[in-house]
Amino acid sequence: MRRQNVNNMPESFGETESEGGRTVIQQRDHGNQSSHNIVSVISQFADDNLTLVRNISTGLAVAGVVVIARSIKLITRFQAASEIPARFIERNVSLRGKVQSITERGVEVEHVPIYLPVLSPLLSKHKGVSTSTILVHLAGVELTPEGREWLQKNLAPAQTVWLKLISREDDTLHCLVSRSRQGLMWSYCVNEEVLRLGLARTAPVVGVLPDSRLYWRVHKRLHRAEVRAERKGRGLWKQDSLWERASRAVRDSALFRLMRRIFKRT
């Protein structure tokens, strides 16, 4: 009797295992069929409501653009230097602007943000408000009176310029200002140009640590332009000719002054 029971046990266990396997397979097939049915329903809904799905996708894309534009201030019009985020200064971001006037303090510029159709009017912070200007100083440059006159002639009102942010001091931005050459595709740096023409001297870059990489990169660039003007004798580096130096020496001599007084008395 014991042997018979022992011999029958594997057979019963095998049958139970087979039945369990079939049950698992049936459950798996049922699950796959349910998943397939759900996918079919979603696909059928999308096909039947294609316009709605497209509108939802477009709405999500627009919402994403709006969020990104707000977060990076892509289309914000800055009315003052204080409104510009600190990270823009730290990363030396370039902003576009229009020249309004040239004063003794610097260049008055109106910020012109990137324009995106539909979104720009919706996200504008200054609707119906007259735009104000931002005071811009040529970073690392000390202008001469002739240099200021040159700026007035070459940076006409409403002219577009690019401002590479270097530092901020109170209500003033210190920038590398660039503008396009008339009739040409490429642009030039105004800071370098006034130095290259001998219409300015290099000056410390305000708001930047003297031992920083940015300071020496900007200073080296400007110093190179100043050295070129000095070598070519341009502007304030211009040297008088031999005749001009001799004439000035004669006029400044004591003998010439004495003879002039004598002739005045007679």
Protein backbone atom coordinates (compact mmCIF):
# COMPACT_ATOMS: atom_id res chain seq x y z
CA MET A 1 0.00 0.00 0.00
CA ARG A 2 2.78 2.40 0.81
CA ARG A 3 4.56 1.72 -2.48
CA GLN A 4 1.37 2.34 -4.41
CA ASN A 5 0.82 5.71 -2.77
CA VAL A 6 4.40 6.71 -3.38
CA ASN A 7 4.16 5.76 -7.04
CA ASN A 8 0.95 7.74 -7.51
CA MET A 9 2.30 10.99 -5.96
CA PRO A 10 4.48 12.17 -8.88
CA GLU A 11 1.63 11.64 -11.31
CA SER A 12 -0.77 13.73 -9.21
CA PHE A 13 1.87 16.44 -8.73
CA GLY A 14 2.57 16.54 -12.49
CA GLU A 15 -1.08 16.92 -13.28
CA THR A 16 -1.41 19.73 -10.75
CA GLU A 17 1.64 21.47 -12.18
CA SER A 18 0.25 21.20 -15.73
CA GLU A 19 -3.06 22.63 -14.67
CA GLY A 20 -1.26 25.52 -12.91
CA GLY A 21 0.79 26.23 -16.02
CA ARG A 22 -2.30 26.35 -18.19
CA THR A 23 -3.91 28.74 -15.74
CA VAL A 24 -0.92 31.10 -15.82
CA ILE A 25 -0.85 31.02 -19.63
CA GLN A 26 -4.57 31.71 -19.76
CA GLN A 27 -4.19 34.66 -17.37
CA ARG A 28 -1.26 36.01 -19.40
CA ASP A 29 -3.23 35.71 -22.63
CA HIS A 30 -6.16 37.43 -20.98
CA GLY A 31 -3.88 40.26 -19.76
CA ASN A 32 -2.33 40.69 -23.22
CA GLN A 33 -5.77 40.74 -24.77
CA SER A 34 -6.91 43.41 -22.30
CA SER A 35 -3.83 45.54 -23.03
CA HIS A 36 -4.41 45.11 -26.75
CA ASN A 37 -8.03 46.16 -26.32
CA ILE A 38 -6.98 49.32 -24.41
CA VAL A 39 -4.45 50.25 -27.11
CA SER A 40 -7.05 49.64 -29.79
CA VAL A 41 -9.57 51.84 -27.98
CA ILE A 42 -7.01 54.68 -27.60
CA SER A 43 -5.96 54.37 -31.25
CA GLN A 44 -9.55 54.39 -32.38
CA PHE A 45 -10.29 57.46 -30.24
CA ALA A 46 -7.27 59.26 -31.68
CA ASP A 47 -8.36 58.44 -35.22
CA ASP A 48 -11.91 59.60 -34.56
CA ASN A 49 -10.79 62.80 -32.85
CA LEU A 50 -7.68 63.66 -34.84
CA THR A 51 -8.37 67.40 -34.77
CA LEU A 52 -8.83 67.38 -31.01
CA VAL A 53 -5.56 65.48 -30.51
CA ARG A 54 -3.72 67.93 -32.73
CA ASN A 55 -5.16 70.88 -30.84
CA ILE A 56 -4.10 69.35 -27.53
CA SER A 57 -0.57 68.75 -28.85
CA THR A 58 -0.35 72.30 -30.15
CA GLY A 59 -1.62 73.66 -26.86
CA LEU A 60 0.98 71.70 -24.91
CA ALA A 61 3.73 72.91 -27.26
CA VAL A 62 2.63 76.54 -26.90
CA ALA A 63 2.45 76.17 -23.14
CA GLY A 64 5.97 74.78 -23.13
CA VAL A 65 7.27 77.71 -25.18
CA VAL A 66 5.52 80.15 -22.84
CA VAL A 67 7.08 78.52 -19.78
CA ILE A 68 10.54 78.55 -21.35
CA ALA A 69 10.17 82.14 -22.54
CA ARG A 70 9.10 83.26 -19.06
CA SER A 71 11.90 81.36 -17.33
CA ILE A 72 14.73 82.71 -19.49
CA LYS A 73 13.14 86.15 -20.06
CA LEU A 74 13.50 85.61 -23.79
CA ILE A 75 10.98 88.26 -24.82
CA THR A 76 11.12 90.60 -21.83
CA ARG A 77 11.73 94.27 -22.56
CA PHE A 78 14.10 95.63 -19.94
CA GLN A 79 13.33 99.21 -18.95
CA ALA A 80 16.31 99.69 -16.64
CA ALA A 81 19.68 98.13 -15.91
CA SER A 82 18.36 96.85 -12.57
CA GLU A 83 15.74 94.68 -14.35
CA ILE A 84 18.36 92.56 -16.11
CA PRO A 85 18.86 89.23 -14.27
CA ALA A 86 22.20 88.74 -12.56
CA ARG A 87 22.78 85.52 -14.52
CA PHE A 88 22.72 87.54 -17.75
CA ILE A 89 25.64 89.61 -16.45
CA GLU A 90 27.52 86.57 -15.17
CA ARG A 91 27.20 84.77 -18.52
CA ASN A 92 27.98 87.91 -20.57
CA VAL A 93 24.75 87.61 -22.55
CA SER A 94 24.35 89.84 -25.63
CA LEU A 95 21.23 92.02 -25.83
CA ARG A 96 19.89 93.91 -28.82
CA GLY A 97 19.07 97.59 -28.59
CA LYS A 98 18.42 100.80 -30.49
CA VAL A 99 20.54 103.89 -29.94
CA GLN A 100 18.57 106.91 -28.69
CA SER A 101 21.28 109.46 -27.96
CA ILE A 102 24.95 110.01 -27.08
CA THR A 103 25.57 112.00 -23.90
CA GLU A 104 28.55 112.82 -21.71
CA ARG A 105 27.50 109.97 -19.44
CA GLY A 106 27.42 107.36 -22.22
CA VAL A 107 25.11 105.85 -24.82
CA GLU A 108 21.36 105.87 -24.18
CA VAL A 109 19.94 102.61 -25.59
CA GLU A 110 16.42 101.21 -25.80
CA HIS A 111 16.34 97.45 -25.29
CA VAL A 112 14.74 95.50 -28.14
CA PRO A 113 13.79 91.94 -27.07
CA ILE A 114 13.39 88.97 -29.38
CA TYR A 115 9.94 89.10 -30.99
CA LEU A 116 7.77 86.00 -31.19
CA PRO A 117 4.44 86.35 -33.05
CA VAL A 118 1.36 86.07 -30.81
CA LEU A 119 3.45 85.34 -27.68
CA SER A 120 5.30 88.65 -27.45
CA PRO A 121 2.13 90.80 -27.16
CA LEU A 122 0.62 88.38 -24.64
CA LEU A 123 3.66 88.24 -22.36
CA SER A 124 4.73 91.87 -22.60
CA LYS A 125 5.03 93.44 -19.15
CA HIS A 126 4.92 97.01 -20.38
CA LYS A 127 1.79 97.25 -22.51
CA GLY A 128 0.86 100.81 -23.29
CA VAL A 129 3.83 102.18 -21.33
CA SER A 130 6.36 104.45 -22.98
CA THR A 131 9.71 102.73 -23.23
CA SER A 132 12.67 104.11 -21.32
CA THR A 133 16.37 103.93 -22.14
CA ILE A 134 19.28 102.18 -20.46
CA LEU A 135 22.58 103.98 -19.93
CA VAL A 136 25.45 102.06 -21.53
CA HIS A 137 29.15 102.76 -21.01
CA LEU A 138 31.85 101.42 -23.32
CA ALA A 139 33.61 98.91 -21.06
CA GLY A 140 37.35 99.51 -20.59
CA VAL A 141 37.35 102.77 -22.57
CA GLU A 142 37.95 106.41 -21.64
CA LEU A 143 36.66 108.58 -24.47
CA THR A 144 38.22 111.86 -25.59
CA PRO A 145 35.98 114.75 -26.75
CA GLU A 146 36.83 113.73 -30.32
CA GLY A 147 35.78 110.18 -29.49
CA ARG A 148 32.40 111.37 -28.26
CA GLU A 149 31.92 113.35 -31.48
CA TRP A 150 32.80 110.23 -33.46
CA LEU A 151 30.14 108.26 -31.57
CA GLN A 152 27.52 110.91 -32.31
CA LYS A 153 28.29 110.62 -36.02
CA ASN A 154 28.53 106.83 -36.20
CA LEU A 155 25.85 105.75 -33.72
CA ALA A 156 22.83 107.50 -35.15
CA PRO A 157 19.46 107.35 -33.34
CA ALA A 158 17.38 104.22 -34.03
CA GLN A 159 20.49 102.34 -35.12
CA THR A 160 20.61 98.73 -33.95
CA VAL A 161 23.51 97.68 -31.74
CA TRP A 162 24.41 94.57 -29.75
CA LEU A 163 25.40 94.89 -26.10
CA LYS A 164 27.66 92.20 -24.66
CA LEU A 165 27.12 92.55 -20.93
CA ILE A 166 30.33 92.85 -18.90
CA SER A 167 29.21 94.38 -15.60
CA ARG A 168 26.57 96.55 -13.98
CA GLU A 169 27.15 99.58 -11.78
CA ASP A 170 24.04 101.21 -10.29
CA ASP A 171 21.96 102.29 -13.31
CA THR A 172 24.77 101.84 -15.85
CA LEU A 173 25.70 98.82 -17.95
CA HIS A 174 29.33 98.35 -18.95
CA CYS A 175 29.31 96.57 -22.30
CA LEU A 176 31.19 95.71 -25.45
CA VAL A 177 29.06 97.48 -28.04
CA SER A 178 28.91 96.10 -31.58
CA ARG A 179 27.26 97.43 -34.72
CA SER A 180 27.15 96.41 -38.38
CA ARG A 181 29.22 98.24 -40.94
CA GLN A 182 27.11 100.06 -43.48
CA GLY A 183 26.60 97.90 -46.54
CA LEU A 184 28.49 94.95 -45.06
CA MET A 185 27.41 91.74 -43.40
CA TRP A 186 29.84 91.64 -40.48
CA SER A 187 29.96 93.88 -37.43
CA TYR A 188 32.72 95.54 -35.42
CA CYS A 189 33.26 96.36 -31.77
CA VAL A 190 32.83 100.08 -31.08
CA ASN A 191 35.10 99.85 -28.01
CA GLU A 192 37.96 98.60 -30.16
CA GLU A 193 37.23 101.01 -33.02
CA VAL A 194 37.54 104.21 -30.97
CA LEU A 195 40.81 102.91 -29.52
CA ARG A 196 42.09 101.88 -32.96
CA LEU A 197 41.39 105.41 -34.25
CA GLY A 198 43.17 107.00 -31.28
CA LEU A 199 39.96 108.58 -29.99
CA ALA A 200 40.11 106.98 -26.54
CA ARG A 201 42.42 105.41 -23.97
CA THR A 202 42.10 102.07 -22.27
CA ALA A 203 40.71 102.21 -18.74
CA PRO A 204 40.09 99.67 -15.95
CA VAL A 205 37.11 97.41 -16.62
CA VAL A 206 34.62 98.52 -13.95
CA GLY A 207 32.84 95.85 -11.95
CA VAL A 208 35.18 93.00 -12.88
CA LEU A 209 37.88 91.58 -10.59
CA PRO A 210 41.35 92.49 -11.92
CA ASP A 211 42.63 88.94 -11.46
CA SER A 212 39.68 87.32 -13.27
CA ARG A 213 39.90 85.70 -16.68
CA LEU A 214 37.18 87.99 -18.07
CA TYR A 215 39.10 91.13 -17.03
CA TRP A 216 42.29 90.12 -18.77
CA ARG A 217 40.48 88.84 -21.84
CA VAL A 218 38.70 92.18 -22.32
CA HIS A 219 41.75 94.28 -21.35
CA LYS A 220 44.05 92.37 -23.73
CA ARG A 221 41.61 92.82 -26.58
CA LEU A 222 41.30 96.58 -26.02
CA HIS A 223 44.99 97.12 -25.32
CA ARG A 224 45.84 95.53 -28.67
CA ALA A 225 43.67 98.12 -30.44
CA GLU A 226 45.27 100.98 -28.49
CA VAL A 227 48.80 99.81 -29.35
CA ARG A 228 47.89 99.74 -33.03
CA ALA A 229 46.73 103.38 -32.88
CA GLU A 230 49.91 104.39 -31.06
CA ARG A 231 52.14 102.70 -33.62
CA LYS A 232 50.35 104.38 -36.52
CA GLY A 233 50.21 107.75 -34.77
CA ARG A 234 46.45 108.13 -34.94
CA GLY A 235 44.30 110.54 -32.98
CA LEU A 236 45.78 111.47 -29.63
CA TRP A 237 48.92 109.50 -30.56
CA LYS A 238 49.54 111.62 -33.63
CA GLN A 239 53.03 113.13 -33.68
CA ASP A 240 53.73 116.57 -35.11
CA SER A 241 55.98 116.88 -38.12
CA LEU A 242 59.54 118.22 -37.82
CA TRP A 243 58.45 121.65 -39.11
CA GLU A 244 55.57 121.83 -36.59
CA ARG A 245 57.87 120.90 -33.71
CA ALA A 246 60.47 123.47 -34.78
CA SER A 247 57.86 126.21 -35.14
CA ARG A 248 56.45 125.46 -31.70
CA ALA A 249 59.94 125.51 -30.18
CA VAL A 250 60.62 128.93 -31.71
CA ARG A 251 57.28 130.34 -30.52
CA ASP A 252 57.92 129.11 -26.99
CA SER A 253 61.50 130.45 -26.82
CA ALA A 254 62.39 133.45 -24.61
CA LEU A 255 64.02 135.29 -27.53
CA PHE A 256 60.87 135.11 -29.62
CA ARG A 257 58.70 136.38 -26.76
CA LEU A 258 61.12 139.27 -26.15
CA MET A 259 61.10 140.28 -29.82
CA ARG A 260 57.30 140.14 -29.88
CA ARG A 261 57.07 142.51 -26.88
CA ILE A 262 59.51 144.92 -28.52
CA PHE A 263 57.55 145.04 -31.74
CA LYS A 264 54.31 145.60 -29.81
CA ARG A 265 55.81 148.67 -28.07
CA THR A 266 56.99 150.20 -31.34
